[in-house]
Amino acid sequence: LAGLASTRQTMRNQADKIGEIMEKSNSTLLHIEAQ
């Protein structure tokens, strides 16, 4: 259970990081399209 809890927390952190990357990628693409 402790392993699952730590894995779950790691997954949340990874999902947050992926979300940030997706947002940055999206804003970069929008910036390129605007230019």
PDB file of all heavy atoms in Angstrom:
ATOM      1  N   LEU A   1       0.831  -1.207   0.000  1.00  0.00           N
ATOM      2  CA  LEU A   1       0.000   0.000   0.000  1.00  0.00           C
ATOM      3  C   LEU A   1       0.865   1.256   0.000  1.00  0.00           C
ATOM      4  O   LEU A   1       0.540   2.231  -0.690  1.00  0.00           O
ATOM      5  CB  LEU A   1      -0.950  -0.008   1.197  1.00  0.00           C
ATOM      6  CG  LEU A   1      -2.061  -1.064   1.154  1.00  0.00           C
ATOM      7  CD1 LEU A   1      -2.875  -1.027   2.439  1.00  0.00           C
ATOM      8  CD2 LEU A   1      -2.955  -0.848  -0.051  1.00  0.00           C
ATOM      9  N   ALA A   2       1.955   1.234   0.751  1.00  0.00           N
ATOM     10  CA  ALA A   2       2.864   2.386   0.752  1.00  0.00           C
ATOM     11  C   ALA A   2       3.489   2.564  -0.627  1.00  0.00           C
ATOM     12  O   ALA A   2       3.628   3.697  -1.114  1.00  0.00           O
ATOM     13  CB  ALA A   2       3.941   2.209   1.814  1.00  0.00           C
ATOM     14  N   GLY A   3       3.858   1.448  -1.253  1.00  0.00           N
ATOM     15  CA  GLY A   3       4.404   1.521  -2.610  1.00  0.00           C
ATOM     16  C   GLY A   3       3.398   2.071  -3.599  1.00  0.00           C
ATOM     17  O   GLY A   3       3.730   2.881  -4.464  1.00  0.00           O
ATOM     18  N   LEU A   4       2.154   1.635  -3.464  1.00  0.00           N
ATOM     19  CA  LEU A   4       1.104   2.141  -4.349  1.00  0.00           C
ATOM     20  C   LEU A   4       0.872   3.633  -4.125  1.00  0.00           C
ATOM     21  O   LEU A   4       0.672   4.391  -5.084  1.00  0.00           O
ATOM     22  CB  LEU A   4      -0.196   1.366  -4.135  1.00  0.00           C
ATOM     23  CG  LEU A   4      -0.220  -0.063  -4.677  1.00  0.00           C
ATOM     24  CD1 LEU A   4      -1.504  -0.762  -4.257  1.00  0.00           C
ATOM     25  CD2 LEU A   4      -0.096  -0.058  -6.183  1.00  0.00           C
ATOM     26  N   ALA A   5       0.906   4.048  -2.860  1.00  0.00           N
ATOM     27  CA  ALA A   5       0.702   5.466  -2.561  1.00  0.00           C
ATOM     28  C   ALA A   5       1.833   6.305  -3.148  1.00  0.00           C
ATOM     29  O   ALA A   5       1.589   7.363  -3.746  1.00  0.00           O
ATOM     30  CB  ALA A   5       0.595   5.686  -1.058  1.00  0.00           C
ATOM     31  N   SER A   6       3.067   5.843  -3.003  1.00  0.00           N
ATOM     32  CA  SER A   6       4.186   6.605  -3.566  1.00  0.00           C
ATOM     33  C   SER A   6       4.132   6.593  -5.089  1.00  0.00           C
ATOM     34  O   SER A   6       4.429   7.604  -5.735  1.00  0.00           O
ATOM     35  CB  SER A   6       5.520   6.052  -3.072  1.00  0.00           C
ATOM     36  OG  SER A   6       5.739   4.758  -3.573  1.00  0.00           O
ATOM     37  N   THR A   7       3.733   5.475  -5.677  1.00  0.00           N
ATOM     38  CA  THR A   7       3.593   5.406  -7.134  1.00  0.00           C
ATOM     39  C   THR A   7       2.500   6.349  -7.616  1.00  0.00           C
ATOM     40  O   THR A   7       2.657   7.035  -8.621  1.00  0.00           O
ATOM     41  CB  THR A   7       3.275   3.965  -7.570  1.00  0.00           C
ATOM     42  OG1 THR A   7       4.296   3.102  -7.091  1.00  0.00           O
ATOM     43  CG2 THR A   7       3.183   3.855  -9.077  1.00  0.00           C
ATOM     44  N   ARG A   8       1.406   6.388  -6.870  1.00  0.00           N
ATOM     45  CA  ARG A   8       0.305   7.283  -7.222  1.00  0.00           C
ATOM     46  C   ARG A   8       0.772   8.739  -7.174  1.00  0.00           C
ATOM     47  O   ARG A   8       0.470   9.528  -8.065  1.00  0.00           O
ATOM     48  CB  ARG A   8      -0.870   7.066  -6.268  1.00  0.00           C
ATOM     49  CG  ARG A   8      -2.131   7.796  -6.690  1.00  0.00           C
ATOM     50  CD  ARG A   8      -3.319   7.518  -5.765  1.00  0.00           C
ATOM     51  NE  ARG A   8      -3.552   6.092  -5.585  1.00  0.00           N
ATOM     52  CZ  ARG A   8      -3.504   5.469  -4.407  1.00  0.00           C
ATOM     53  NH1 ARG A   8      -3.230   6.142  -3.308  1.00  0.00           N
ATOM     54  NH2 ARG A   8      -3.739   4.182  -4.327  1.00  0.00           N
ATOM     55  N   GLN A   9       1.542   9.087  -6.136  1.00  0.00           N
ATOM     56  CA  GLN A   9       2.054  10.456  -6.030  1.00  0.00           C
ATOM     57  C   GLN A   9       3.006  10.770  -7.182  1.00  0.00           C
ATOM     58  O   GLN A   9       2.948  11.846  -7.768  1.00  0.00           O
ATOM     59  CB  GLN A   9       2.768  10.649  -4.678  1.00  0.00           C
ATOM     60  CG  GLN A   9       3.249  12.064  -4.458  1.00  0.00           C
ATOM     61  CD  GLN A   9       2.122  13.072  -4.425  1.00  0.00           C
ATOM     62  OE1 GLN A   9       1.031  12.791  -3.971  1.00  0.00           O
ATOM     63  NE2 GLN A   9       2.389  14.258  -4.909  1.00  0.00           N
ATOM     64  N   THR A  10       3.861   9.796  -7.513  1.00  0.00           N
ATOM     65  CA  THR A  10       4.772   9.981  -8.639  1.00  0.00           C
ATOM     66  C   THR A  10       3.994  10.161  -9.930  1.00  0.00           C
ATOM     67  O   THR A  10       4.328  11.022 -10.757  1.00  0.00           O
ATOM     68  CB  THR A  10       5.719   8.765  -8.759  1.00  0.00           C
ATOM     69  OG1 THR A  10       6.428   8.598  -7.540  1.00  0.00           O
ATOM     70  CG2 THR A  10       6.695   8.940  -9.891  1.00  0.00           C
ATOM     71  N   MET A  11       2.942   9.391 -10.119  1.00  0.00           N
ATOM     72  CA  MET A  11       2.113   9.513 -11.315  1.00  0.00           C
ATOM     73  C   MET A  11       1.466  10.895 -11.381  1.00  0.00           C
ATOM     74  O   MET A  11       1.368  11.494 -12.454  1.00  0.00           O
ATOM     75  CB  MET A  11       1.038   8.422 -11.333  1.00  0.00           C
ATOM     76  CG  MET A  11       1.576   7.011 -11.468  1.00  0.00           C
ATOM     77  SD  MET A  11       2.349   6.715 -13.035  1.00  0.00           S
ATOM     78  CE  MET A  11       0.933   6.830 -14.089  1.00  0.00           C
ATOM     79  N   ARG A  12       0.998  11.383 -10.241  1.00  0.00           N
ATOM     80  CA  ARG A  12       0.402  12.728 -10.224  1.00  0.00           C
ATOM     81  C   ARG A  12       1.436  13.770 -10.618  1.00  0.00           C
ATOM     82  O   ARG A  12       1.140  14.678 -11.403  1.00  0.00           O
ATOM     83  CB  ARG A  12      -0.160  13.039  -8.840  1.00  0.00           C
ATOM     84  CG  ARG A  12      -1.444  12.340  -8.532  1.00  0.00           C
ATOM     85  CD  ARG A  12      -2.022  12.812  -7.205  1.00  0.00           C
ATOM     86  NE  ARG A  12      -3.082  11.913  -6.787  1.00  0.00           N
ATOM     87  CZ  ARG A  12      -3.210  11.410  -5.572  1.00  0.00           C
ATOM     88  NH1 ARG A  12      -2.357  11.729  -4.627  1.00  0.00           N
ATOM     89  NH2 ARG A  12      -4.205  10.590  -5.288  1.00  0.00           N
ATOM     90  N   ASN A  13       2.651  13.639 -10.064  1.00  0.00           N
ATOM     91  CA  ASN A  13       3.706  14.588 -10.407  1.00  0.00           C
ATOM     92  C   ASN A  13       4.032  14.524 -11.894  1.00  0.00           C
ATOM     93  O   ASN A  13       4.204  15.560 -12.550  1.00  0.00           O
ATOM     94  CB  ASN A  13       4.965  14.306  -9.582  1.00  0.00           C
ATOM     95  CG  ASN A  13       4.787  14.615  -8.120  1.00  0.00           C
ATOM     96  OD1 ASN A  13       3.885  15.364  -7.731  1.00  0.00           O
ATOM     97  ND2 ASN A  13       5.635  14.052  -7.279  1.00  0.00           N
ATOM     98  N   GLN A  14       4.113  13.304 -12.422  1.00  0.00           N
ATOM     99  CA  GLN A  14       4.401  13.158 -13.843  1.00  0.00           C
ATOM    100  C   GLN A  14       3.269  13.733 -14.691  1.00  0.00           C
ATOM    101  O   GLN A  14       3.522  14.388 -15.706  1.00  0.00           O
ATOM    102  CB  GLN A  14       4.622  11.683 -14.191  1.00  0.00           C
ATOM    103  CG  GLN A  14       5.903  11.117 -13.641  1.00  0.00           C
ATOM    104  CD  GLN A  14       6.011   9.627 -13.856  1.00  0.00           C
ATOM    105  OE1 GLN A  14       5.049   8.952 -14.187  1.00  0.00           O
ATOM    106  NE2 GLN A  14       7.211   9.091 -13.642  1.00  0.00           N
ATOM    107  N   ALA A  15       2.039  13.507 -14.282  1.00  0.00           N
ATOM    108  CA  ALA A  15       0.900  14.047 -15.032  1.00  0.00           C
ATOM    109  C   ALA A  15       0.920  15.574 -14.984  1.00  0.00           C
ATOM    110  O   ALA A  15       0.630  16.233 -15.998  1.00  0.00           O
ATOM    111  CB  ALA A  15      -0.403  13.512 -14.461  1.00  0.00           C
ATOM    112  N   ASP A  16       1.283  16.142 -13.841  1.00  0.00           N
ATOM    113  CA  ASP A  16       1.385  17.601 -13.741  1.00  0.00           C
ATOM    114  C   ASP A  16       2.468  18.137 -14.664  1.00  0.00           C
ATOM    115  O   ASP A  16       2.271  19.145 -15.354  1.00  0.00           O
ATOM    116  CB  ASP A  16       1.679  18.025 -12.301  1.00  0.00           C
ATOM    117  CG  ASP A  16       0.503  17.792 -11.371  1.00  0.00           C
ATOM    118  OD1 ASP A  16      -0.640  17.631 -11.876  1.00  0.00           O
ATOM    119  OD2 ASP A  16       0.722  17.765 -10.141  1.00  0.00           O
ATOM    120  N   LYS A  17       3.615  17.448 -14.687  1.00  0.00           N
ATOM    121  CA  LYS A  17       4.705  17.882 -15.560  1.00  0.00           C
ATOM    122  C   LYS A  17       4.301  17.780 -17.028  1.00  0.00           C
ATOM    123  O   LYS A  17       4.600  18.669 -17.822  1.00  0.00           O
ATOM    124  CB  LYS A  17       5.964  17.061 -15.303  1.00  0.00           C
ATOM    125  CG  LYS A  17       6.654  17.428 -14.018  1.00  0.00           C
ATOM    126  CD  LYS A  17       7.907  16.621 -13.815  1.00  0.00           C
ATOM    127  CE  LYS A  17       8.546  16.964 -12.479  1.00  0.00           C
ATOM    128  NZ  LYS A  17       9.774  16.201 -12.245  1.00  0.00           N
ATOM    129  N   ILE A  18       3.628  16.696 -17.386  1.00  0.00           N
ATOM    130  CA  ILE A  18       3.168  16.543 -18.769  1.00  0.00           C
ATOM    131  C   ILE A  18       2.171  17.646 -19.101  1.00  0.00           C
ATOM    132  O   ILE A  18       2.193  18.213 -20.197  1.00  0.00           O
ATOM    133  CB  ILE A  18       2.571  15.141 -18.992  1.00  0.00           C
ATOM    134  CG1 ILE A  18       3.681  14.098 -18.981  1.00  0.00           C
ATOM    135  CG2 ILE A  18       1.803  15.070 -20.306  1.00  0.00           C
ATOM    136  CD1 ILE A  18       3.197  12.668 -19.058  1.00  0.00           C
ATOM    137  N   GLY A  19       1.299  17.973 -18.157  1.00  0.00           N
ATOM    138  CA  GLY A  19       0.355  19.066 -18.376  1.00  0.00           C
ATOM    139  C   GLY A  19       1.065  20.380 -18.627  1.00  0.00           C
ATOM    140  O   GLY A  19       0.685  21.147 -19.522  1.00  0.00           O
ATOM    141  N   GLU A  20       2.107  20.660 -17.847  1.00  0.00           N
ATOM    142  CA  GLU A  20       2.888  21.888 -18.052  1.00  0.00           C
ATOM    143  C   GLU A  20       3.546  21.888 -19.424  1.00  0.00           C
ATOM    144  O   GLU A  20       3.539  22.903 -20.126  1.00  0.00           O
ATOM    145  CB  GLU A  20       3.953  22.013 -16.966  1.00  0.00           C
ATOM    146  CG  GLU A  20       3.412  22.298 -15.586  1.00  0.00           C
ATOM    147  CD  GLU A  20       4.500  22.236 -14.518  1.00  0.00           C
ATOM    148  OE1 GLU A  20       5.698  22.242 -14.869  1.00  0.00           O
ATOM    149  OE2 GLU A  20       4.126  22.192 -13.333  1.00  0.00           O
ATOM    150  N   ILE A  21       4.124  20.750 -19.795  1.00  0.00           N
ATOM    151  CA  ILE A  21       4.774  20.649 -21.102  1.00  0.00           C
ATOM    152  C   ILE A  21       3.762  20.855 -22.219  1.00  0.00           C
ATOM    153  O   ILE A  21       4.037  21.551 -23.206  1.00  0.00           O
ATOM    154  CB  ILE A  21       5.492  19.293 -21.249  1.00  0.00           C
ATOM    155  CG1 ILE A  21       6.692  19.231 -20.305  1.00  0.00           C
ATOM    156  CG2 ILE A  21       5.933  19.052 -22.684  1.00  0.00           C
ATOM    157  CD1 ILE A  21       7.312  17.856 -20.186  1.00  0.00           C
ATOM    158  N   MET A  22       2.590  20.257 -22.066  1.00  0.00           N
ATOM    159  CA  MET A  22       1.547  20.416 -23.087  1.00  0.00           C
ATOM    160  C   MET A  22       1.124  21.880 -23.200  1.00  0.00           C
ATOM    161  O   MET A  22       0.922  22.396 -24.303  1.00  0.00           O
ATOM    162  CB  MET A  22       0.338  19.535 -22.758  1.00  0.00           C
ATOM    163  CG  MET A  22       0.610  18.048 -22.808  1.00  0.00           C
ATOM    164  SD  MET A  22       1.082  17.464 -24.428  1.00  0.00           S
ATOM    165  CE  MET A  22      -0.442  17.699 -25.290  1.00  0.00           C
ATOM    166  N   GLU A  23       0.987  22.558 -22.063  1.00  0.00           N
ATOM    167  CA  GLU A  23       0.608  23.974 -22.086  1.00  0.00           C
ATOM    168  C   GLU A  23       1.683  24.807 -22.772  1.00  0.00           C
ATOM    169  O   GLU A  23       1.378  25.673 -23.600  1.00  0.00           O
ATOM    170  CB  GLU A  23       0.362  24.488 -20.660  1.00  0.00           C
ATOM    171  CG  GLU A  23      -0.908  23.983 -20.043  1.00  0.00           C
ATOM    172  CD  GLU A  23      -2.152  24.446 -20.784  1.00  0.00           C
ATOM    173  OE1 GLU A  23      -2.194  25.605 -21.242  1.00  0.00           O
ATOM    174  OE2 GLU A  23      -3.079  23.643 -20.920  1.00  0.00           O
ATOM    175  N   LYS A  24       2.952  24.548 -22.444  1.00  0.00           N
ATOM    176  CA  LYS A  24       4.046  25.295 -23.072  1.00  0.00           C
ATOM    177  C   LYS A  24       4.092  25.023 -24.572  1.00  0.00           C
ATOM    178  O   LYS A  24       4.284  25.937 -25.364  1.00  0.00           O
ATOM    179  CB  LYS A  24       5.380  24.916 -22.434  1.00  0.00           C
ATOM    180  CG  LYS A  24       5.565  25.478 -21.043  1.00  0.00           C
ATOM    181  CD  LYS A  24       6.889  25.046 -20.453  1.00  0.00           C
ATOM    182  CE  LYS A  24       7.040  25.530 -19.032  1.00  0.00           C
ATOM    183  NZ  LYS A  24       8.298  25.066 -18.420  1.00  0.00           N
ATOM    184  N   SER A  25       3.904  23.749 -24.948  1.00  0.00           N
ATOM    185  CA  SER A  25       3.915  23.397 -26.370  1.00  0.00           C
ATOM    186  C   SER A  25       2.771  24.075 -27.105  1.00  0.00           C
ATOM    187  O   SER A  25       2.954  24.599 -28.209  1.00  0.00           O
ATOM    188  CB  SER A  25       3.802  21.878 -26.545  1.00  0.00           C
ATOM    189  OG  SER A  25       4.882  21.231 -25.945  1.00  0.00           O
ATOM    190  N   ASN A  26       1.604  24.073 -26.475  1.00  0.00           N
ATOM    191  CA  ASN A  26       0.444  24.703 -27.081  1.00  0.00           C
ATOM    192  C   ASN A  26       0.673  26.205 -27.254  1.00  0.00           C
ATOM    193  O   ASN A  26       0.393  26.765 -28.312  1.00  0.00           O
ATOM    194  CB  ASN A  26      -0.805  24.433 -26.241  1.00  0.00           C
ATOM    195  CG  ASN A  26      -2.067  24.867 -26.941  1.00  0.00           C
ATOM    196  OD1 ASN A  26      -2.114  24.907 -28.165  1.00  0.00           O
ATOM    197  ND2 ASN A  26      -3.074  25.199 -26.168  1.00  0.00           N
ATOM    198  N   SER A  27       1.209  26.858 -26.223  1.00  0.00           N
ATOM    199  CA  SER A  27       1.438  28.300 -26.334  1.00  0.00           C
ATOM    200  C   SER A  27       2.513  28.599 -27.377  1.00  0.00           C
ATOM    201  O   SER A  27       2.422  29.587 -28.100  1.00  0.00           O
ATOM    202  CB  SER A  27       1.817  28.891 -24.977  1.00  0.00           C
ATOM    203  OG  SER A  27       3.044  28.376 -24.536  1.00  0.00           O
ATOM    204  N   THR A  28       3.524  27.720 -27.480  1.00  0.00           N
ATOM    205  CA  THR A  28       4.557  27.910 -28.495  1.00  0.00           C
ATOM    206  C   THR A  28       3.966  27.779 -29.899  1.00  0.00           C
ATOM    207  O   THR A  28       4.252  28.594 -30.781  1.00  0.00           O
ATOM    208  CB  THR A  28       5.688  26.877 -28.307  1.00  0.00           C
ATOM    209  OG1 THR A  28       6.234  27.023 -27.003  1.00  0.00           O
ATOM    210  CG2 THR A  28       6.778  27.072 -29.340  1.00  0.00           C
ATOM    211  N   LEU A  29       3.139  26.762 -30.094  1.00  0.00           N
ATOM    212  CA  LEU A  29       2.503  26.593 -31.406  1.00  0.00           C
ATOM    213  C   LEU A  29       1.596  27.769 -31.730  1.00  0.00           C
ATOM    214  O   LEU A  29       1.579  28.254 -32.876  1.00  0.00           O
ATOM    215  CB  LEU A  29       1.709  25.285 -31.445  1.00  0.00           C
ATOM    216  CG  LEU A  29       2.543  24.011 -31.536  1.00  0.00           C
ATOM    217  CD1 LEU A  29       1.646  22.793 -31.387  1.00  0.00           C
ATOM    218  CD2 LEU A  29       3.305  23.953 -32.830  1.00  0.00           C
ATOM    219  N   LEU A  30       0.852  28.250 -30.749  1.00  0.00           N
ATOM    220  CA  LEU A  30      -0.005  29.418 -30.984  1.00  0.00           C
ATOM    221  C   LEU A  30       0.831  30.644 -31.327  1.00  0.00           C
ATOM    222  O   LEU A  30       0.472  31.427 -32.210  1.00  0.00           O
ATOM    223  CB  LEU A  30      -0.882  29.689 -29.764  1.00  0.00           C
ATOM    224  CG  LEU A  30      -1.993  28.676 -29.499  1.00  0.00           C
ATOM    225  CD1 LEU A  30      -2.675  28.982 -28.167  1.00  0.00           C
ATOM    226  CD2 LEU A  30      -3.001  28.663 -30.625  1.00  0.00           C
ATOM    227  N   HIS A  31       1.961  30.794 -30.648  1.00  0.00           N
ATOM    228  CA  HIS A  31       2.851  31.924 -30.930  1.00  0.00           C
ATOM    229  C   HIS A  31       3.409  31.827 -32.350  1.00  0.00           C
ATOM    230  O   HIS A  31       3.440  32.822 -33.081  1.00  0.00           O
ATOM    231  CB  HIS A  31       3.983  31.939 -29.902  1.00  0.00           C
ATOM    232  CG  HIS A  31       4.954  33.059 -30.091  1.00  0.00           C
ATOM    233  ND1 HIS A  31       4.619  34.364 -29.836  1.00  0.00           N
ATOM    234  CD2 HIS A  31       6.231  33.060 -30.520  1.00  0.00           C
ATOM    235  CE1 HIS A  31       5.665  35.130 -30.108  1.00  0.00           C
ATOM    236  NE2 HIS A  31       6.655  34.355 -30.515  1.00  0.00           N
ATOM    237  N   ILE A  32       3.811  30.629 -32.741  1.00  0.00           N
ATOM    238  CA  ILE A  32       4.335  30.433 -34.101  1.00  0.00           C
ATOM    239  C   ILE A  32       3.258  30.721 -35.133  1.00  0.00           C
ATOM    240  O   ILE A  32       3.508  31.385 -36.144  1.00  0.00           O
ATOM    241  CB  ILE A  32       4.890  29.003 -34.257  1.00  0.00           C
ATOM    242  CG1 ILE A  32       6.165  28.842 -33.444  1.00  0.00           C
ATOM    243  CG2 ILE A  32       5.144  28.670 -35.717  1.00  0.00           C
ATOM    244  CD1 ILE A  32       6.665  27.414 -33.357  1.00  0.00           C
ATOM    245  N   GLU A  33       2.036  30.238 -34.874  1.00  0.00           N
ATOM    246  CA  GLU A  33       0.939  30.503 -35.809  1.00  0.00           C
ATOM    247  C   GLU A  33       0.627  31.990 -35.888  1.00  0.00           C
ATOM    248  O   GLU A  33       0.356  32.519 -36.971  1.00  0.00           O
ATOM    249  CB  GLU A  33      -0.303  29.727 -35.403  1.00  0.00           C
ATOM    250  CG  GLU A  33      -0.205  28.243 -35.662  1.00  0.00           C
ATOM    251  CD  GLU A  33      -1.426  27.481 -35.185  1.00  0.00           C
ATOM    252  OE1 GLU A  33      -2.333  28.092 -34.590  1.00  0.00           O
ATOM    253  OE2 GLU A  33      -1.468  26.268 -35.406  1.00  0.00           O
ATOM    254  N   ALA A  34       0.679  32.678 -34.749  1.00  0.00           N
ATOM    255  CA  ALA A  34       0.414  34.119 -34.749  1.00  0.00           C
ATOM    256  C   ALA A  34       1.475  34.855 -35.551  1.00  0.00           C
ATOM    257  O   ALA A  34       1.163  35.769 -36.324  1.00  0.00           O
ATOM    258  CB  ALA A  34       0.360  34.642 -33.319  1.00  0.00           C
ATOM    259  N   GLN A  35       2.734  34.460 -35.377  1.00  0.00           N
ATOM    260  CA  GLN A  35       3.803  35.100 -36.148  1.00  0.00           C
ATOM    261  C   GLN A  35       3.653  34.805 -37.636  1.00  0.00           C
ATOM    262  O   GLN A  35       3.882  35.662 -38.469  1.00  0.00           O
ATOM    263  CB  GLN A  35       5.167  34.618 -35.667  1.00  0.00           C
ATOM    264  CG  GLN A  35       5.605  35.250 -34.381  1.00  0.00           C
ATOM    265  CD  GLN A  35       7.007  34.807 -33.988  1.00  0.00           C
ATOM    266  OE1 GLN A  35       7.510  33.806 -34.481  1.00  0.00           O
ATOM    267  NE2 GLN A  35       7.613  35.557 -33.096  1.00  0.00           N
TER     268      GLN A  35
END
